[in-house]
Amino acid sequence: MGLTRDAVFFDALANHARQSVAASELLLEMLDRLDEAPALVQRISDLEDEADKITHECLAALHQTWITPLDREEIHALITRLDDVLDCIEAASVRLVLFEITSALPDARLLAQDVVDACTVMSSAIQSLRDLNKPPHLLELCVEINKIENAADAHYRNGLAALFKKGNDPLLVMKWRDIYDLLEHATDRCEDVANIIEGIVLEHA
């Protein structure tokens, strides 16, 4: 085994991020096609399984490689947070089926779009890690993720306010509160990835 395996780690991170983009797009599609939710959630679970394999292979390579392109702690933190993003997306999709949701609330769709947007920019930022000689571009992507997360917070608060209005079915409130939480957590985890990337950029500046 060679002393350096940069591509192994960059490819793993980029491939993992792409799974989140694909899963987030399927989740948004689910909200428009809830009659097909079981089939769509299976596709999301398949993406999550693939991402788990990528995580395992990345961590195994981390233990077997002497010299890594980024600090070991940074690689570990990135792949772990990427895994968290996809876990939240899958959990939200599973609940849509388990809770037998038949129609999507407007704020849920806004939050799901925020997740798609955050994952898409996050994937671009992860891909750009290969070239740390362009820190302004990377930092701009991180700022964009932060903006999306802020928008998601606003949609989350508005969604909760509408959800807890007098007259709503308490059981339905509990179901959607859980789904809202997971969607908002997904954008939080994307922001965690952005924060790690900002630290890497500053370290290599």
Protein backbone atom coordinates (compact mmCIF):
# COMPACT_ATOMS: atom_id res chain seq x y z
CA MET A 1 0.00 0.00 0.00
CA GLY A 2 1.32 3.43 -0.92
CA LEU A 3 2.01 6.15 1.56
CA THR A 4 -0.57 8.52 0.06
CA ARG A 5 -4.06 7.75 -1.18
CA ASP A 6 -5.53 11.22 -1.61
CA ALA A 7 -8.07 10.19 -4.25
CA VAL A 8 -9.53 7.51 -1.97
CA PHE A 9 -10.60 10.10 0.59
CA PHE A 10 -11.68 12.86 -1.78
CA ASP A 11 -13.66 10.37 -3.86
CA ALA A 12 -15.32 8.90 -0.78
CA LEU A 13 -16.38 12.32 0.51
CA ALA A 14 -17.63 13.45 -2.90
CA ASN A 15 -19.51 10.21 -3.55
CA HIS A 16 -21.13 10.32 -0.13
CA ALA A 17 -22.27 13.91 -0.65
CA ARG A 18 -23.81 12.92 -3.98
CA GLN A 19 -25.89 10.26 -2.23
CA SER A 20 -27.35 12.99 -0.01
CA VAL A 21 -28.23 15.15 -3.01
CA ALA A 22 -30.01 12.24 -4.70
CA ALA A 23 -31.81 11.26 -1.48
CA SER A 24 -32.93 14.83 -0.77
CA GLU A 25 -34.37 15.13 -4.28
CA LEU A 26 -36.29 11.89 -3.80
CA LEU A 27 -37.62 13.14 -0.46
CA LEU A 28 -38.91 16.31 -2.11
CA GLU A 29 -40.46 14.17 -4.83
CA MET A 30 -42.15 12.06 -2.15
CA LEU A 31 -44.01 15.07 -0.82
CA ASP A 32 -45.53 15.61 -4.28
CA ARG A 33 -46.19 11.91 -4.89
CA LEU A 34 -47.14 10.47 -1.51
CA ASP A 35 -49.11 7.71 -3.20
CA GLU A 36 -45.73 6.36 -4.36
CA ALA A 37 -44.00 6.93 -1.01
CA PRO A 38 -43.16 3.25 -0.23
CA ALA A 39 -41.25 2.84 -3.51
CA LEU A 40 -39.47 6.17 -3.11
CA VAL A 41 -38.47 5.50 0.49
CA GLN A 42 -36.92 2.22 -0.64
CA ARG A 43 -34.80 4.11 -3.16
CA ILE A 44 -33.69 6.50 -0.41
CA SER A 45 -32.82 3.57 1.85
CA ASP A 46 -30.75 2.06 -0.96
CA LEU A 47 -28.82 5.32 -1.23
CA GLU A 48 -28.29 5.33 2.53
CA ASP A 49 -26.98 1.74 2.37
CA GLU A 50 -24.55 2.76 -0.37
CA ALA A 51 -23.43 5.73 1.72
CA ASP A 52 -22.83 3.46 4.71
CA LYS A 53 -20.51 1.35 2.56
CA ILE A 54 -18.65 4.49 1.49
CA THR A 55 -18.29 5.56 5.13
CA HIS A 56 -16.98 2.14 6.15
CA GLU A 57 -14.46 2.06 3.30
CA CYS A 58 -13.32 5.61 4.06
CA LEU A 59 -12.77 4.88 7.75
CA ALA A 60 -10.97 1.64 6.91
CA ALA A 61 -8.66 3.53 4.55
CA LEU A 62 -8.09 6.12 7.25
CA HIS A 63 -6.77 3.41 9.57
CA GLN A 64 -4.52 1.96 6.87
CA THR A 65 -3.00 5.11 5.39
CA TRP A 66 0.05 6.85 6.76
CA ILE A 67 -0.28 10.20 5.03
CA THR A 68 -3.70 11.73 4.38
CA PRO A 69 -4.60 14.82 2.30
CA LEU A 70 -6.37 16.38 5.30
CA ASP A 71 -5.97 15.81 9.02
CA ARG A 72 -7.39 12.47 10.11
CA GLU A 73 -9.76 14.22 12.50
CA GLU A 74 -11.06 16.41 9.67
CA ILE A 75 -11.72 13.47 7.36
CA HIS A 76 -13.42 11.56 10.16
CA ALA A 77 -15.56 14.57 11.09
CA LEU A 78 -16.57 15.21 7.47
CA ILE A 79 -17.60 11.63 6.66
CA THR A 80 -19.45 11.39 9.98
CA ARG A 81 -21.41 14.61 9.45
CA LEU A 82 -22.18 13.61 5.86
CA ASP A 83 -23.57 10.37 7.24
CA ASP A 84 -25.71 12.35 9.69
CA VAL A 85 -27.21 14.40 6.85
CA LEU A 86 -28.33 11.30 4.99
CA ASP A 87 -29.58 9.62 8.16
CA CYS A 88 -31.91 12.59 8.78
CA ILE A 89 -33.19 12.49 5.20
CA GLU A 90 -33.88 8.77 5.38
CA ALA A 91 -35.56 9.07 8.79
CA ALA A 92 -37.88 11.81 7.51
CA SER A 93 -38.82 9.73 4.46
CA VAL A 94 -39.50 6.64 6.58
CA ARG A 95 -41.79 8.61 8.87
CA LEU A 96 -43.84 9.82 5.93
CA VAL A 97 -44.67 6.17 5.28
CA LEU A 98 -44.93 5.00 8.90
CA PHE A 99 -47.23 7.88 9.81
CA GLU A 100 -49.34 7.23 6.70
CA ILE A 101 -49.09 10.85 5.56
CA THR A 102 -51.42 11.38 2.60
CA SER A 103 -50.97 15.09 1.89
CA ALA A 104 -47.96 17.36 2.39
CA LEU A 105 -48.09 20.65 4.25
CA PRO A 106 -46.70 23.71 2.40
CA ASP A 107 -44.02 24.38 5.03
CA ALA A 108 -42.83 20.78 4.81
CA ARG A 109 -42.21 21.23 1.12
CA LEU A 110 -40.32 24.47 1.76
CA LEU A 111 -38.13 22.69 4.32
CA ALA A 112 -37.55 19.78 1.97
CA GLN A 113 -36.46 22.23 -0.76
CA ASP A 114 -34.04 23.78 1.76
CA VAL A 115 -32.58 20.31 2.34
CA VAL A 116 -32.12 19.82 -1.41
CA ASP A 117 -30.47 23.25 -1.75
CA ALA A 118 -28.18 22.71 1.25
CA CYS A 119 -27.12 19.25 0.05
CA THR A 120 -26.45 20.52 -3.46
CA VAL A 121 -24.18 23.34 -2.29
CA MET A 122 -22.57 21.04 0.29
CA SER A 123 -21.74 18.56 -2.47
CA SER A 124 -20.10 21.35 -4.50
CA ALA A 125 -18.06 22.39 -1.47
CA ILE A 126 -16.92 18.82 -0.80
CA GLN A 127 -15.89 18.45 -4.45
CA SER A 128 -13.95 21.73 -4.24
CA LEU A 129 -11.88 20.43 -1.31
CA ARG A 130 -9.59 18.85 -3.90
CA ASP A 131 -8.30 22.33 -4.70
CA LEU A 132 -7.57 24.26 -1.52
CA ASN A 133 -5.72 26.86 -3.58
CA LYS A 134 -9.06 28.63 -4.19
CA PRO A 135 -10.22 29.45 -0.66
CA PRO A 136 -12.59 32.32 -1.63
CA HIS A 137 -14.75 29.95 -3.69
CA LEU A 138 -14.91 27.39 -0.91
CA LEU A 139 -15.77 30.02 1.68
CA GLU A 140 -18.51 31.41 -0.57
CA LEU A 141 -20.07 27.96 -0.73
CA CYS A 142 -19.91 27.66 3.05
CA VAL A 143 -21.61 31.05 3.45
CA GLU A 144 -24.33 29.91 1.03
CA ILE A 145 -24.97 26.80 3.12
CA ASN A 146 -25.27 28.99 6.21
CA LYS A 147 -27.83 31.18 4.42
CA ILE A 148 -29.86 28.15 3.42
CA GLU A 149 -29.78 26.86 6.99
CA ASN A 150 -31.05 30.22 8.22
CA ALA A 151 -33.89 30.06 5.70
CA ALA A 152 -34.67 26.54 6.89
CA ASP A 153 -34.85 27.79 10.47
CA ALA A 154 -37.42 30.38 9.40
CA HIS A 155 -39.47 27.80 7.50
CA TYR A 156 -39.26 25.48 10.51
CA ARG A 157 -40.54 28.16 12.89
CA ASN A 158 -43.33 29.16 10.52
CA GLY A 159 -44.25 25.53 10.05
CA LEU A 160 -44.48 24.93 13.78
CA ALA A 161 -46.55 28.08 14.29
CA ALA A 162 -49.05 26.91 11.66
CA LEU A 163 -49.00 23.37 13.01
CA PHE A 164 -49.86 24.36 16.56
CA LYS A 165 -52.79 26.56 15.64
CA LYS A 166 -55.98 25.79 17.53
CA GLY A 167 -58.14 23.15 15.91
CA ASN A 168 -55.41 21.00 14.35
CA ASP A 169 -55.57 17.27 15.01
CA PRO A 170 -53.11 16.62 17.92
CA LEU A 171 -51.97 13.32 16.38
CA LEU A 172 -51.25 15.00 13.07
CA VAL A 173 -49.36 17.75 14.92
CA MET A 174 -47.14 15.14 16.62
CA LYS A 175 -46.43 13.41 13.30
CA TRP A 176 -45.49 16.55 11.41
CA ARG A 177 -43.48 17.96 14.33
CA ASP A 178 -41.26 14.88 14.15
CA ILE A 179 -40.85 15.21 10.37
CA TYR A 180 -40.16 18.96 10.61
CA ASP A 181 -37.49 18.31 13.23
CA LEU A 182 -35.68 15.82 11.00
CA LEU A 183 -35.78 18.12 7.97
CA GLU A 184 -34.40 21.01 10.01
CA HIS A 185 -31.74 18.74 11.54
CA ALA A 186 -30.62 17.75 8.03
CA THR A 187 -29.86 21.39 7.20
CA ASP A 188 -28.10 21.76 10.57
CA ARG A 189 -25.82 18.86 9.70
CA CYS A 190 -25.08 20.45 6.31
CA GLU A 191 -24.05 23.57 8.20
CA ASP A 192 -21.80 21.40 10.39
CA VAL A 193 -20.06 20.21 7.22
CA ALA A 194 -19.66 23.83 6.10
CA ASN A 195 -18.13 24.76 9.46
CA ILE A 196 -15.61 21.93 9.19
CA ILE A 197 -14.70 23.02 5.66
CA GLU A 198 -14.23 26.62 6.83
CA GLY A 199 -11.81 25.35 9.47
CA ILE A 200 -9.88 23.37 6.86
CA VAL A 201 -9.64 26.42 4.59
CA LEU A 202 -8.34 28.60 7.42
CA GLU A 203 -5.83 25.95 8.41
CA HIS A 204 -4.43 25.71 4.89
CA ALA A 205 -4.56 29.45 4.14
